[in-house]
Amino acid sequence: MSQPPLVSRDPLHTLTDINVDDLLDAAGLPWLRRTPLRRLFRPPALRFAQLALGFDGRVGAQGLAAGSAWLLKRMTAGLELSGVHQVPPSGPLLVLANHPGMTDTVALLTALAARPDLRVMAGDRPFLRALPQVARSLILLPEGGGGHLPVLRAAVAHLKQGGALLTFPAGSIEPDPATFGARQALASLQRWSDSTALLARRVPQVRWLVALVSNVVSAQTQRHPLTWLRRSAPDKEKLAAALQVALPRYHRMTARVDFGALQDAGEGDAASLHAAMLAQAQQLIECLPRHDAADAGAPHGATAGDGWRMVHR
């Protein structure tokens, strides 16, 4: 079962504080949390908190896909979809996706509009629990590796009821295939857990497909001078992601979601099913059109929302 959302008299204040802490962690400056200097990080944290609350409100009023489309329009220059016709409108469905971060989840939720019954397996984060409407559609995975049995039961029950489930088998952030290249994206498949195949085996009638998200991580932010504050590559990438959220000039990416072929789980063993899932993910990565190294997809100088469009390939 998912944990209850955070309760606060002032959700905007709660979300802003969470965002400030996330920015300080990304910058490698957690020691500033209890100093007056944290105020320097408050303006971008407040802007994103306001955006997140707008997203949550629209999810409550219009549904997960419509709310996600609203947020995506404010964070990207557009969305390209390929193979979305593979998504069945009903029946138990397991969607496996890579996890490059940034707008990947809202891009997927927008692309999966045909499934209003969609639930998402996600890591338990204070930010997510501070969004009560969004949290209703989440199955939160506890930190530390314990307490996964209730999560498994909730996921199986949802599928057996004919619902759709979105999961991220890597369990952590992966390289964006368009930004970091196919080689790094293919290497990240080694981290995909076989637990998704084991889950599918609990619901024999389930069907599955792989979704590949790309072009959501800005190549420009990876080269931002502030990233030199961090030494390791993962820390640099984490700070670059925080900058992409905080600075509207980086909201010019045209996100892309490619769906593989719809498959029946069949009756083979979990190892064979896991191998088939990896093979489909590999094929999607290898067939992904190459992007320019620069952030393409929007006219120079465009801002998020200007001429935003969804394109079906």
C-alpha atoms as a PDB file:
ATOM      1  CA  MET A   1       0.000   0.000   0.000  1.00  0.00           C
ATOM      2  CA  SER A   2       1.152   3.554  -0.616  1.00  0.00           C
ATOM      3  CA  GLN A   3       2.022   5.753   2.343  1.00  0.00           C
ATOM      4  CA  PRO A   4      -0.305   8.627   3.239  1.00  0.00           C
ATOM      5  CA  PRO A   5       0.542  12.029   1.756  1.00  0.00           C
ATOM      6  CA  LEU A   6       2.196  14.642   3.915  1.00  0.00           C
ATOM      7  CA  VAL A   7      -0.292  16.847   5.751  1.00  0.00           C
ATOM      8  CA  SER A   8       0.466  20.536   6.164  1.00  0.00           C
ATOM      9  CA  ARG A   9      -1.468  23.721   6.809  1.00  0.00           C
ATOM     10  CA  ASP A  10       0.622  25.342   4.082  1.00  0.00           C
ATOM     11  CA  PRO A  11       1.423  22.912   1.232  1.00  0.00           C
ATOM     12  CA  LEU A  12       3.303  25.627  -0.669  1.00  0.00           C
ATOM     13  CA  HIS A  13       5.626  26.190   2.287  1.00  0.00           C
ATOM     14  CA  THR A  14       6.172  22.439   2.679  1.00  0.00           C
ATOM     15  CA  LEU A  15       6.993  21.912  -1.001  1.00  0.00           C
ATOM     16  CA  THR A  16       9.259  24.959  -1.110  1.00  0.00           C
ATOM     17  CA  ASP A  17      11.268  23.702   1.866  1.00  0.00           C
ATOM     18  CA  ILE A  18      11.572  20.256   0.263  1.00  0.00           C
ATOM     19  CA  ASN A  19      12.784  21.865  -2.972  1.00  0.00           C
ATOM     20  CA  VAL A  20      15.332  24.031  -1.155  1.00  0.00           C
ATOM     21  CA  ASP A  21      16.741  20.953   0.591  1.00  0.00           C
ATOM     22  CA  ASP A  22      16.911  19.087  -2.734  1.00  0.00           C
ATOM     23  CA  LEU A  23      18.751  21.998  -4.374  1.00  0.00           C
ATOM     24  CA  LEU A  24      21.245  22.209  -1.517  1.00  0.00           C
ATOM     25  CA  ASP A  25      21.870  18.472  -1.670  1.00  0.00           C
ATOM     26  CA  ALA A  26      22.383  18.652  -5.434  1.00  0.00           C
ATOM     27  CA  ALA A  27      24.858  21.490  -5.043  1.00  0.00           C
ATOM     28  CA  GLY A  28      26.741  19.625  -2.312  1.00  0.00           C
ATOM     29  CA  LEU A  29      25.831  22.291   0.223  1.00  0.00           C
ATOM     30  CA  PRO A  30      23.584  20.530   2.767  1.00  0.00           C
ATOM     31  CA  TRP A  31      25.313  22.401   5.591  1.00  0.00           C
ATOM     32  CA  LEU A  32      23.513  25.573   4.448  1.00  0.00           C
ATOM     33  CA  ARG A  33      20.145  24.158   5.492  1.00  0.00           C
ATOM     34  CA  ARG A  34      20.289  25.756   8.936  1.00  0.00           C
ATOM     35  CA  THR A  35      21.846  29.047   7.858  1.00  0.00           C
ATOM     36  CA  PRO A  36      20.316  32.267   6.498  1.00  0.00           C
ATOM     37  CA  LEU A  37      22.013  31.523   3.152  1.00  0.00           C
ATOM     38  CA  ARG A  38      19.326  28.946   2.359  1.00  0.00           C
ATOM     39  CA  ARG A  39      17.154  31.929   1.437  1.00  0.00           C
ATOM     40  CA  LEU A  40      19.220  32.365  -1.734  1.00  0.00           C
ATOM     41  CA  PHE A  41      17.764  29.108  -3.016  1.00  0.00           C
ATOM     42  CA  ARG A  42      14.177  29.947  -2.123  1.00  0.00           C
ATOM     43  CA  PRO A  43      13.035  31.826  -5.282  1.00  0.00           C
ATOM     44  CA  PRO A  44      13.598  28.920  -7.743  1.00  0.00           C
ATOM     45  CA  ALA A  45      12.343  26.456  -5.106  1.00  0.00           C
ATOM     46  CA  LEU A  46       9.161  28.512  -4.691  1.00  0.00           C
ATOM     47  CA  ARG A  47       8.567  28.717  -8.458  1.00  0.00           C
ATOM     48  CA  PHE A  48       8.778  24.969  -8.832  1.00  0.00           C
ATOM     49  CA  ALA A  49       6.598  24.394  -5.744  1.00  0.00           C
ATOM     50  CA  GLN A  50       3.890  26.592  -7.277  1.00  0.00           C
ATOM     51  CA  LEU A  51       4.148  24.630 -10.520  1.00  0.00           C
ATOM     52  CA  ALA A  52       3.956  21.316  -8.651  1.00  0.00           C
ATOM     53  CA  LEU A  53       0.850  22.378  -6.744  1.00  0.00           C
ATOM     54  CA  GLY A  54      -0.784  23.474 -10.007  1.00  0.00           C
ATOM     55  CA  PHE A  55       0.013  20.033 -11.386  1.00  0.00           C
ATOM     56  CA  ASP A  56      -1.429  18.295  -8.331  1.00  0.00           C
ATOM     57  CA  GLY A  57      -4.619  20.339  -8.482  1.00  0.00           C
ATOM     58  CA  ARG A  58      -5.164  19.509 -12.134  1.00  0.00           C
ATOM     59  CA  VAL A  59      -4.545  15.823 -11.495  1.00  0.00           C
ATOM     60  CA  GLY A  60      -7.312  15.944  -8.899  1.00  0.00           C
ATOM     61  CA  ALA A  61      -9.713  17.794 -11.202  1.00  0.00           C
ATOM     62  CA  GLN A  62      -8.890  16.317 -14.612  1.00  0.00           C
ATOM     63  CA  GLY A  63      -6.956  13.101 -14.052  1.00  0.00           C
ATOM     64  CA  LEU A  64      -3.340  11.978 -14.122  1.00  0.00           C
ATOM     65  CA  ALA A  65      -2.775  12.245 -17.887  1.00  0.00           C
ATOM     66  CA  ALA A  66      -4.341  15.704 -18.268  1.00  0.00           C
ATOM     67  CA  GLY A  67      -2.475  17.048 -15.254  1.00  0.00           C
ATOM     68  CA  SER A  68       0.776  15.617 -16.600  1.00  0.00           C
ATOM     69  CA  ALA A  69       0.185  17.195 -20.024  1.00  0.00           C
ATOM     70  CA  TRP A  70      -0.337  20.566 -18.312  1.00  0.00           C
ATOM     71  CA  LEU A  71       2.981  20.270 -16.473  1.00  0.00           C
ATOM     72  CA  LEU A  72       4.812  18.937 -19.531  1.00  0.00           C
ATOM     73  CA  LYS A  73       3.745  22.008 -21.516  1.00  0.00           C
ATOM     74  CA  ARG A  74       5.427  24.188 -18.914  1.00  0.00           C
ATOM     75  CA  MET A  75       8.617  22.157 -18.673  1.00  0.00           C
ATOM     76  CA  THR A  76       9.273  21.189 -22.323  1.00  0.00           C
ATOM     77  CA  ALA A  77       8.842  22.428 -25.893  1.00  0.00           C
ATOM     78  CA  GLY A  78       6.785  19.412 -26.974  1.00  0.00           C
ATOM     79  CA  LEU A  79       6.346  15.653 -26.964  1.00  0.00           C
ATOM     80  CA  GLU A  80       7.031  13.121 -29.724  1.00  0.00           C
ATOM     81  CA  LEU A  81       5.282   9.755 -29.490  1.00  0.00           C
ATOM     82  CA  SER A  82       6.057   6.577 -31.404  1.00  0.00           C
ATOM     83  CA  GLY A  83       4.207   3.276 -31.105  1.00  0.00           C
ATOM     84  CA  VAL A  84       1.555   4.632 -28.733  1.00  0.00           C
ATOM     85  CA  HIS A  85      -1.031   2.556 -30.629  1.00  0.00           C
ATOM     86  CA  GLN A  86       0.520  -0.478 -28.915  1.00  0.00           C
ATOM     87  CA  VAL A  87      -1.049   0.588 -25.595  1.00  0.00           C
ATOM     88  CA  PRO A  88      -4.288  -1.404 -25.115  1.00  0.00           C
ATOM     89  CA  PRO A  89      -7.269   0.539 -23.740  1.00  0.00           C
ATOM     90  CA  SER A  90      -8.138  -2.133 -21.176  1.00  0.00           C
ATOM     91  CA  GLY A  91      -6.897  -5.271 -19.489  1.00  0.00           C
ATOM     92  CA  PRO A  92      -3.942  -5.936 -17.183  1.00  0.00           C
ATOM     93  CA  LEU A  93      -0.914  -4.105 -18.574  1.00  0.00           C
ATOM     94  CA  LEU A  94       2.654  -3.821 -17.307  1.00  0.00           C
ATOM     95  CA  VAL A  95       4.710  -0.948 -18.753  1.00  0.00           C
ATOM     96  CA  LEU A  96       8.470  -1.030 -18.147  1.00  0.00           C
ATOM     97  CA  ALA A  97      10.343   2.210 -18.713  1.00  0.00           C
ATOM     98  CA  ASN A  98      13.824   3.610 -18.479  1.00  0.00           C
ATOM     99  CA  HIS A  99      14.302   6.427 -15.988  1.00  0.00           C
ATOM    100  CA  PRO A 100      16.462   9.314 -17.233  1.00  0.00           C
ATOM    101  CA  GLY A 101      14.794  11.654 -14.760  1.00  0.00           C
ATOM    102  CA  MET A 102      13.528  15.204 -15.235  1.00  0.00           C
ATOM    103  CA  THR A 103      10.238  15.167 -17.167  1.00  0.00           C
ATOM    104  CA  ASP A 104      10.384  11.461 -18.009  1.00  0.00           C
ATOM    105  CA  THR A 105       7.530  10.443 -15.717  1.00  0.00           C
ATOM    106  CA  VAL A 106       5.092  13.175 -16.774  1.00  0.00           C
ATOM    107  CA  ALA A 107       5.955  12.435 -20.421  1.00  0.00           C
ATOM    108  CA  LEU A 108       5.036   8.793 -19.824  1.00  0.00           C
ATOM    109  CA  LEU A 109       1.842   9.674 -17.973  1.00  0.00           C
ATOM    110  CA  THR A 110       0.823  11.959 -20.836  1.00  0.00           C
ATOM    111  CA  ALA A 111       1.619   9.248 -23.387  1.00  0.00           C
ATOM    112  CA  LEU A 112      -0.410   6.676 -21.428  1.00  0.00           C
ATOM    113  CA  ALA A 113      -3.599   8.747 -21.501  1.00  0.00           C
ATOM    114  CA  ALA A 114      -5.478   5.721 -22.876  1.00  0.00           C
ATOM    115  CA  ARG A 115      -5.173   4.135 -19.436  1.00  0.00           C
ATOM    116  CA  PRO A 116      -6.961   6.275 -16.819  1.00  0.00           C
ATOM    117  CA  ASP A 117      -6.581   3.290 -14.456  1.00  0.00           C
ATOM    118  CA  LEU A 118      -2.777   3.677 -14.496  1.00  0.00           C
ATOM    119  CA  ARG A 119      -0.818   3.392 -11.275  1.00  0.00           C
ATOM    120  CA  VAL A 120       2.901   4.066 -10.927  1.00  0.00           C
ATOM    121  CA  MET A 121       5.492   2.325  -8.795  1.00  0.00           C
ATOM    122  CA  ALA A 122       7.802   5.044  -7.475  1.00  0.00           C
ATOM    123  CA  GLY A 123      10.376   5.557  -4.771  1.00  0.00           C
ATOM    124  CA  ASP A 124       9.006   7.061  -1.579  1.00  0.00           C
ATOM    125  CA  ARG A 125      10.034  10.732  -1.605  1.00  0.00           C
ATOM    126  CA  PRO A 126       8.770  13.588   0.591  1.00  0.00           C
ATOM    127  CA  PHE A 127       8.094  15.599  -2.571  1.00  0.00           C
ATOM    128  CA  LEU A 128       5.688  12.959  -3.920  1.00  0.00           C
ATOM    129  CA  ARG A 129       3.877  12.534  -0.617  1.00  0.00           C
ATOM    130  CA  ALA A 130       3.373  16.309  -0.511  1.00  0.00           C
ATOM    131  CA  LEU A 131       1.215  15.997  -3.658  1.00  0.00           C
ATOM    132  CA  PRO A 132      -1.936  14.297  -2.320  1.00  0.00           C
ATOM    133  CA  GLN A 133      -3.806  13.999  -5.637  1.00  0.00           C
ATOM    134  CA  VAL A 134      -0.813  12.527  -7.440  1.00  0.00           C
ATOM    135  CA  ALA A 135      -0.075  10.207  -4.521  1.00  0.00           C
ATOM    136  CA  ARG A 136      -3.420   8.471  -5.025  1.00  0.00           C
ATOM    137  CA  SER A 137      -2.046   6.949  -8.240  1.00  0.00           C
ATOM    138  CA  LEU A 138       1.292   5.866  -6.770  1.00  0.00           C
ATOM    139  CA  ILE A 139       2.494   2.655  -5.198  1.00  0.00           C
ATOM    140  CA  LEU A 140       5.434   3.920  -3.167  1.00  0.00           C
ATOM    141  CA  LEU A 141       8.528   1.792  -2.680  1.00  0.00           C
ATOM    142  CA  PRO A 142      10.046   2.278   0.786  1.00  0.00           C
ATOM    143  CA  GLU A 143      13.669   3.317   1.126  1.00  0.00           C
ATOM    144  CA  GLY A 144      16.238   0.876   2.424  1.00  0.00           C
ATOM    145  CA  GLY A 145      15.024  -2.248   0.639  1.00  0.00           C
ATOM    146  CA  GLY A 146      12.574  -3.389   3.317  1.00  0.00           C
ATOM    147  CA  GLY A 147       8.788  -3.543   3.336  1.00  0.00           C
ATOM    148  CA  HIS A 148       8.434  -4.533  -0.308  1.00  0.00           C
ATOM    149  CA  LEU A 149       5.917  -7.325   0.277  1.00  0.00           C
ATOM    150  CA  PRO A 150       2.935  -4.951   0.721  1.00  0.00           C
ATOM    151  CA  VAL A 151       4.066  -3.136  -2.423  1.00  0.00           C
ATOM    152  CA  LEU A 152       4.129  -6.381  -4.391  1.00  0.00           C
ATOM    153  CA  ARG A 153       0.677  -7.310  -3.122  1.00  0.00           C
ATOM    154  CA  ALA A 154      -0.739  -3.922  -4.122  1.00  0.00           C
ATOM    155  CA  ALA A 155       0.811  -4.173  -7.597  1.00  0.00           C
ATOM    156  CA  VAL A 156      -0.472  -7.722  -8.169  1.00  0.00           C
ATOM    157  CA  ALA A 157      -3.951  -6.813  -6.935  1.00  0.00           C
ATOM    158  CA  HIS A 158      -4.111  -3.837  -9.303  1.00  0.00           C
ATOM    159  CA  LEU A 159      -3.086  -5.951 -12.291  1.00  0.00           C
ATOM    160  CA  LYS A 160      -5.505  -8.737 -11.407  1.00  0.00           C
ATOM    161  CA  GLN A 161      -8.285  -6.157 -11.390  1.00  0.00           C
ATOM    162  CA  GLY A 162      -7.397  -5.339 -14.999  1.00  0.00           C
ATOM    163  CA  GLY A 163      -5.401  -2.208 -14.286  1.00  0.00           C
ATOM    164  CA  ALA A 164      -2.277  -0.758 -15.905  1.00  0.00           C
ATOM    165  CA  LEU A 165       0.982  -0.443 -13.982  1.00  0.00           C
ATOM    166  CA  LEU A 166       4.070   1.630 -14.813  1.00  0.00           C
ATOM    167  CA  THR A 167       7.386   0.550 -13.305  1.00  0.00           C
ATOM    168  CA  PHE A 168      11.049   1.548 -13.593  1.00  0.00           C
ATOM    169  CA  PRO A 169      13.128  -1.665 -13.423  1.00  0.00           C
ATOM    170  CA  ALA A 170      16.477   0.109 -12.936  1.00  0.00           C
ATOM    171  CA  GLY A 171      15.291   1.526  -9.618  1.00  0.00           C
ATOM    172  CA  SER A 172      17.442   4.631 -10.090  1.00  0.00           C
ATOM    173  CA  ILE A 173      18.260   7.366 -12.587  1.00  0.00           C
ATOM    174  CA  GLU A 174      19.634   6.159 -15.934  1.00  0.00           C
ATOM    175  CA  PRO A 175      21.437   7.940 -18.788  1.00  0.00           C
ATOM    176  CA  ASP A 176      19.214   9.723 -21.288  1.00  0.00           C
ATOM    177  CA  PRO A 177      19.821   7.867 -24.592  1.00  0.00           C
ATOM    178  CA  ALA A 178      19.611  11.105 -26.601  1.00  0.00           C
ATOM    179  CA  THR A 179      21.969  13.051 -24.334  1.00  0.00           C
ATOM    180  CA  PHE A 180      24.522  10.451 -23.248  1.00  0.00           C
ATOM    181  CA  GLY A 181      24.323   8.098 -26.217  1.00  0.00           C
ATOM    182  CA  ALA A 182      23.184   4.552 -26.899  1.00  0.00           C
ATOM    183  CA  ARG A 183      26.246   2.912 -25.343  1.00  0.00           C
ATOM    184  CA  GLN A 184      25.556   4.297 -21.864  1.00  0.00           C
ATOM    185  CA  ALA A 185      21.829   3.643 -22.185  1.00  0.00           C
ATOM    186  CA  LEU A 186      22.454   0.025 -23.186  1.00  0.00           C
ATOM    187  CA  ALA A 187      24.882  -0.450 -20.292  1.00  0.00           C
ATOM    188  CA  SER A 188      22.230   0.757 -17.847  1.00  0.00           C
ATOM    189  CA  LEU A 189      19.989  -2.169 -18.840  1.00  0.00           C
ATOM    190  CA  GLN A 190      22.276  -4.379 -16.767  1.00  0.00           C
ATOM    191  CA  ARG A 191      20.742  -2.709 -13.714  1.00  0.00           C
ATOM    192  CA  TRP A 192      17.176  -3.613 -14.657  1.00  0.00           C
ATOM    193  CA  SER A 193      15.807  -5.868 -11.948  1.00  0.00           C
ATOM    194  CA  ASP A 194      14.171  -9.178 -12.830  1.00  0.00           C
ATOM    195  CA  SER A 195      11.510  -8.397 -10.215  1.00  0.00           C
ATOM    196  CA  THR A 196       9.256  -7.043 -12.986  1.00  0.00           C
ATOM    197  CA  ALA A 197       9.264 -10.438 -14.702  1.00  0.00           C
ATOM    198  CA  LEU A 198       8.558 -12.094 -11.364  1.00  0.00           C
ATOM    199  CA  LEU A 199       5.650  -9.694 -10.877  1.00  0.00           C
ATOM    200  CA  ALA A 200       4.280 -10.557 -14.321  1.00  0.00           C
ATOM    201  CA  ARG A 201       4.437 -14.245 -13.440  1.00  0.00           C
ATOM    202  CA  ARG A 202       1.981 -13.574 -10.603  1.00  0.00           C
ATOM    203  CA  VAL A 203      -0.619 -12.410 -13.148  1.00  0.00           C
ATOM    204  CA  PRO A 204      -0.485 -14.870 -16.087  1.00  0.00           C
ATOM    205  CA  GLN A 205      -2.995 -12.938 -18.207  1.00  0.00           C
ATOM    206  CA  VAL A 206      -0.971  -9.714 -18.055  1.00  0.00           C
ATOM    207  CA  ARG A 207       0.472  -8.146 -21.189  1.00  0.00           C
ATOM    208  CA  TRP A 208       3.591  -5.989 -21.208  1.00  0.00           C
ATOM    209  CA  LEU A 209       5.560  -3.528 -23.276  1.00  0.00           C
ATOM    210  CA  VAL A 210       8.634  -1.359 -22.882  1.00  0.00           C
ATOM    211  CA  ALA A 211       8.568   2.442 -23.083  1.00  0.00           C
ATOM    212  CA  LEU A 212      11.768   4.347 -23.846  1.00  0.00           C
ATOM    213  CA  VAL A 213      11.957   8.009 -22.802  1.00  0.00           C
ATOM    214  CA  SER A 214      14.631  10.218 -24.327  1.00  0.00           C
ATOM    215  CA  ASN A 215      15.613  13.852 -24.887  1.00  0.00           C
ATOM    216  CA  VAL A 216      14.489  14.990 -21.446  1.00  0.00           C
ATOM    217  CA  VAL A 217      17.940  15.770 -19.987  1.00  0.00           C
ATOM    218  CA  SER A 218      19.548  18.958 -21.276  1.00  0.00           C
ATOM    219  CA  ALA A 219      23.045  18.570 -22.726  1.00  0.00           C
ATOM    220  CA  GLN A 220      23.626  22.256 -22.035  1.00  0.00           C
ATOM    221  CA  THR A 221      23.098  21.925 -18.288  1.00  0.00           C
ATOM    222  CA  GLN A 222      25.644  19.098 -18.223  1.00  0.00           C
ATOM    223  CA  ARG A 223      28.223  21.717 -19.300  1.00  0.00           C
ATOM    224  CA  HIS A 224      27.042  24.495 -16.969  1.00  0.00           C
ATOM    225  CA  PRO A 225      29.957  26.095 -15.041  1.00  0.00           C
ATOM    226  CA  LEU A 226      28.271  25.402 -11.705  1.00  0.00           C
ATOM    227  CA  THR A 227      28.571  21.649 -12.292  1.00  0.00           C
ATOM    228  CA  TRP A 228      32.292  22.036 -11.586  1.00  0.00           C
ATOM    229  CA  LEU A 229      31.280  22.435  -7.931  1.00  0.00           C
ATOM    230  CA  ARG A 230      30.854  18.658  -7.876  1.00  0.00           C
ATOM    231  CA  ARG A 231      33.633  16.143  -8.490  1.00  0.00           C
ATOM    232  CA  SER A 232      32.007  12.821  -9.345  1.00  0.00           C
ATOM    233  CA  ALA A 233      30.010  12.300 -12.552  1.00  0.00           C
ATOM    234  CA  PRO A 234      26.799  11.284 -10.696  1.00  0.00           C
ATOM    235  CA  ASP A 235      27.006  14.399  -8.514  1.00  0.00           C
ATOM    236  CA  LYS A 236      27.590  16.605 -11.549  1.00  0.00           C
ATOM    237  CA  GLU A 237      24.573  15.086 -13.276  1.00  0.00           C
ATOM    238  CA  LYS A 238      22.427  15.561 -10.168  1.00  0.00           C
ATOM    239  CA  LEU A 239      23.353  19.243  -9.983  1.00  0.00           C
ATOM    240  CA  ALA A 240      22.750  19.669 -13.725  1.00  0.00           C
ATOM    241  CA  ALA A 241      19.262  18.197 -13.276  1.00  0.00           C
ATOM    242  CA  ALA A 242      18.540  20.648 -10.454  1.00  0.00           C
ATOM    243  CA  LEU A 243      19.652  23.530 -12.678  1.00  0.00           C
ATOM    244  CA  GLN A 244      17.383  22.318 -15.465  1.00  0.00           C
ATOM    245  CA  VAL A 245      14.403  22.401 -13.115  1.00  0.00           C
ATOM    246  CA  ALA A 246      15.318  25.785 -11.628  1.00  0.00           C
ATOM    247  CA  LEU A 247      16.166  27.705 -14.825  1.00  0.00           C
ATOM    248  CA  PRO A 248      13.342  28.193 -17.384  1.00  0.00           C
ATOM    249  CA  ARG A 249      15.814  28.726 -20.252  1.00  0.00           C
ATOM    250  CA  TYR A 250      16.479  24.987 -20.144  1.00  0.00           C
ATOM    251  CA  HIS A 251      12.806  24.085 -20.624  1.00  0.00           C
ATOM    252  CA  ARG A 252      13.209  23.814 -24.417  1.00  0.00           C
ATOM    253  CA  MET A 253      13.600  20.061 -24.791  1.00  0.00           C
ATOM    254  CA  THR A 254      11.189  18.123 -27.002  1.00  0.00           C
ATOM    255  CA  ALA A 255      10.656  14.953 -25.006  1.00  0.00           C
ATOM    256  CA  ARG A 256      10.241  11.653 -26.820  1.00  0.00           C
ATOM    257  CA  VAL A 257       8.509   8.411 -25.790  1.00  0.00           C
ATOM    258  CA  ASP A 258       8.857   5.253 -27.918  1.00  0.00           C
ATOM    259  CA  PHE A 259       6.755   2.162 -27.181  1.00  0.00           C
ATOM    260  CA  GLY A 260       7.777  -1.364 -28.081  1.00  0.00           C
ATOM    261  CA  ALA A 261       5.482  -4.125 -29.284  1.00  0.00           C
ATOM    262  CA  LEU A 262       2.729  -5.350 -26.984  1.00  0.00           C
ATOM    263  CA  GLN A 263       3.536  -8.835 -25.676  1.00  0.00           C
ATOM    264  CA  ASP A 264       1.753 -11.572 -23.734  1.00  0.00           C
ATOM    265  CA  ALA A 265       3.548 -12.731 -20.610  1.00  0.00           C
ATOM    266  CA  GLY A 266       3.098 -16.331 -21.747  1.00  0.00           C
ATOM    267  CA  GLU A 267       3.927 -19.334 -19.635  1.00  0.00           C
ATOM    268  CA  GLY A 268       7.740 -19.458 -19.729  1.00  0.00           C
ATOM    269  CA  ASP A 269       9.983 -18.997 -16.719  1.00  0.00           C
ATOM    270  CA  ALA A 270      10.762 -15.575 -15.243  1.00  0.00           C
ATOM    271  CA  ALA A 271      14.347 -15.612 -16.557  1.00  0.00           C
ATOM    272  CA  SER A 272      13.164 -15.986 -20.154  1.00  0.00           C
ATOM    273  CA  LEU A 273      10.575 -13.269 -19.684  1.00  0.00           C
ATOM    274  CA  HIS A 274      13.183 -10.915 -18.203  1.00  0.00           C
ATOM    275  CA  ALA A 275      15.471 -11.578 -21.182  1.00  0.00           C
ATOM    276  CA  ALA A 276      12.634 -10.757 -23.585  1.00  0.00           C
ATOM    277  CA  MET A 277      11.969  -7.481 -21.774  1.00  0.00           C
ATOM    278  CA  LEU A 278      15.645  -6.502 -21.973  1.00  0.00           C
ATOM    279  CA  ALA A 279      15.733  -7.414 -25.666  1.00  0.00           C
ATOM    280  CA  GLN A 280      12.813  -5.101 -26.410  1.00  0.00           C
ATOM    281  CA  ALA A 281      14.436  -2.253 -24.460  1.00  0.00           C
ATOM    282  CA  GLN A 282      17.708  -2.824 -26.325  1.00  0.00           C
ATOM    283  CA  GLN A 283      15.939  -2.722 -29.680  1.00  0.00           C
ATOM    284  CA  LEU A 284      14.239   0.577 -28.834  1.00  0.00           C
ATOM    285  CA  ILE A 285      17.551   2.143 -27.809  1.00  0.00           C
ATOM    286  CA  GLU A 286      19.354   0.942 -30.919  1.00  0.00           C
ATOM    287  CA  CYS A 287      16.570   2.189 -33.226  1.00  0.00           C
ATOM    288  CA  LEU A 288      16.274   5.619 -31.591  1.00  0.00           C
ATOM    289  CA  PRO A 289      16.900   8.463 -34.074  1.00  0.00           C
ATOM    290  CA  ARG A 290      20.032  10.444 -33.308  1.00  0.00           C
ATOM    291  CA  HIS A 291      19.592  13.950 -31.896  1.00  0.00           C
ATOM    292  CA  ASP A 292      21.823  16.921 -32.363  1.00  0.00           C
ATOM    293  CA  ALA A 293      24.272  17.364 -29.485  1.00  0.00           C
ATOM    294  CA  ALA A 294      22.691  20.732 -28.746  1.00  0.00           C
ATOM    295  CA  ASP A 295      19.252  21.027 -27.229  1.00  0.00           C
ATOM    296  CA  ALA A 296      17.054  20.770 -30.299  1.00  0.00           C
ATOM    297  CA  GLY A 297      13.309  20.602 -30.778  1.00  0.00           C
ATOM    298  CA  ALA A 298      12.308  24.226 -30.287  1.00  0.00           C
ATOM    299  CA  PRO A 299      13.087  27.433 -32.177  1.00  0.00           C
ATOM    300  CA  HIS A 300      16.028  29.368 -30.757  1.00  0.00           C
ATOM    301  CA  GLY A 301      14.855  31.557 -27.919  1.00  0.00           C
ATOM    302  CA  ALA A 302      11.566  29.691 -27.445  1.00  0.00           C
ATOM    303  CA  THR A 303      10.277  29.175 -23.944  1.00  0.00           C
ATOM    304  CA  ALA A 304       8.295  26.275 -22.555  1.00  0.00           C
ATOM    305  CA  GLY A 305       4.728  26.451 -23.784  1.00  0.00           C
ATOM    306  CA  ASP A 306       5.503  28.478 -26.958  1.00  0.00           C
ATOM    307  CA  GLY A 307       4.224  26.440 -29.898  1.00  0.00           C
ATOM    308  CA  TRP A 308       4.053  23.317 -27.748  1.00  0.00           C
ATOM    309  CA  ARG A 309       2.758  20.315 -29.627  1.00  0.00           C
ATOM    310  CA  MET A 310       2.391  16.567 -29.369  1.00  0.00           C
ATOM    311  CA  VAL A 311       3.584  14.675 -32.439  1.00  0.00           C
ATOM    312  CA  HIS A 312       2.708  11.050 -33.250  1.00  0.00           C
ATOM    313  CA  ARG A 313       5.267   9.177 -35.330  1.00  0.00           C
END
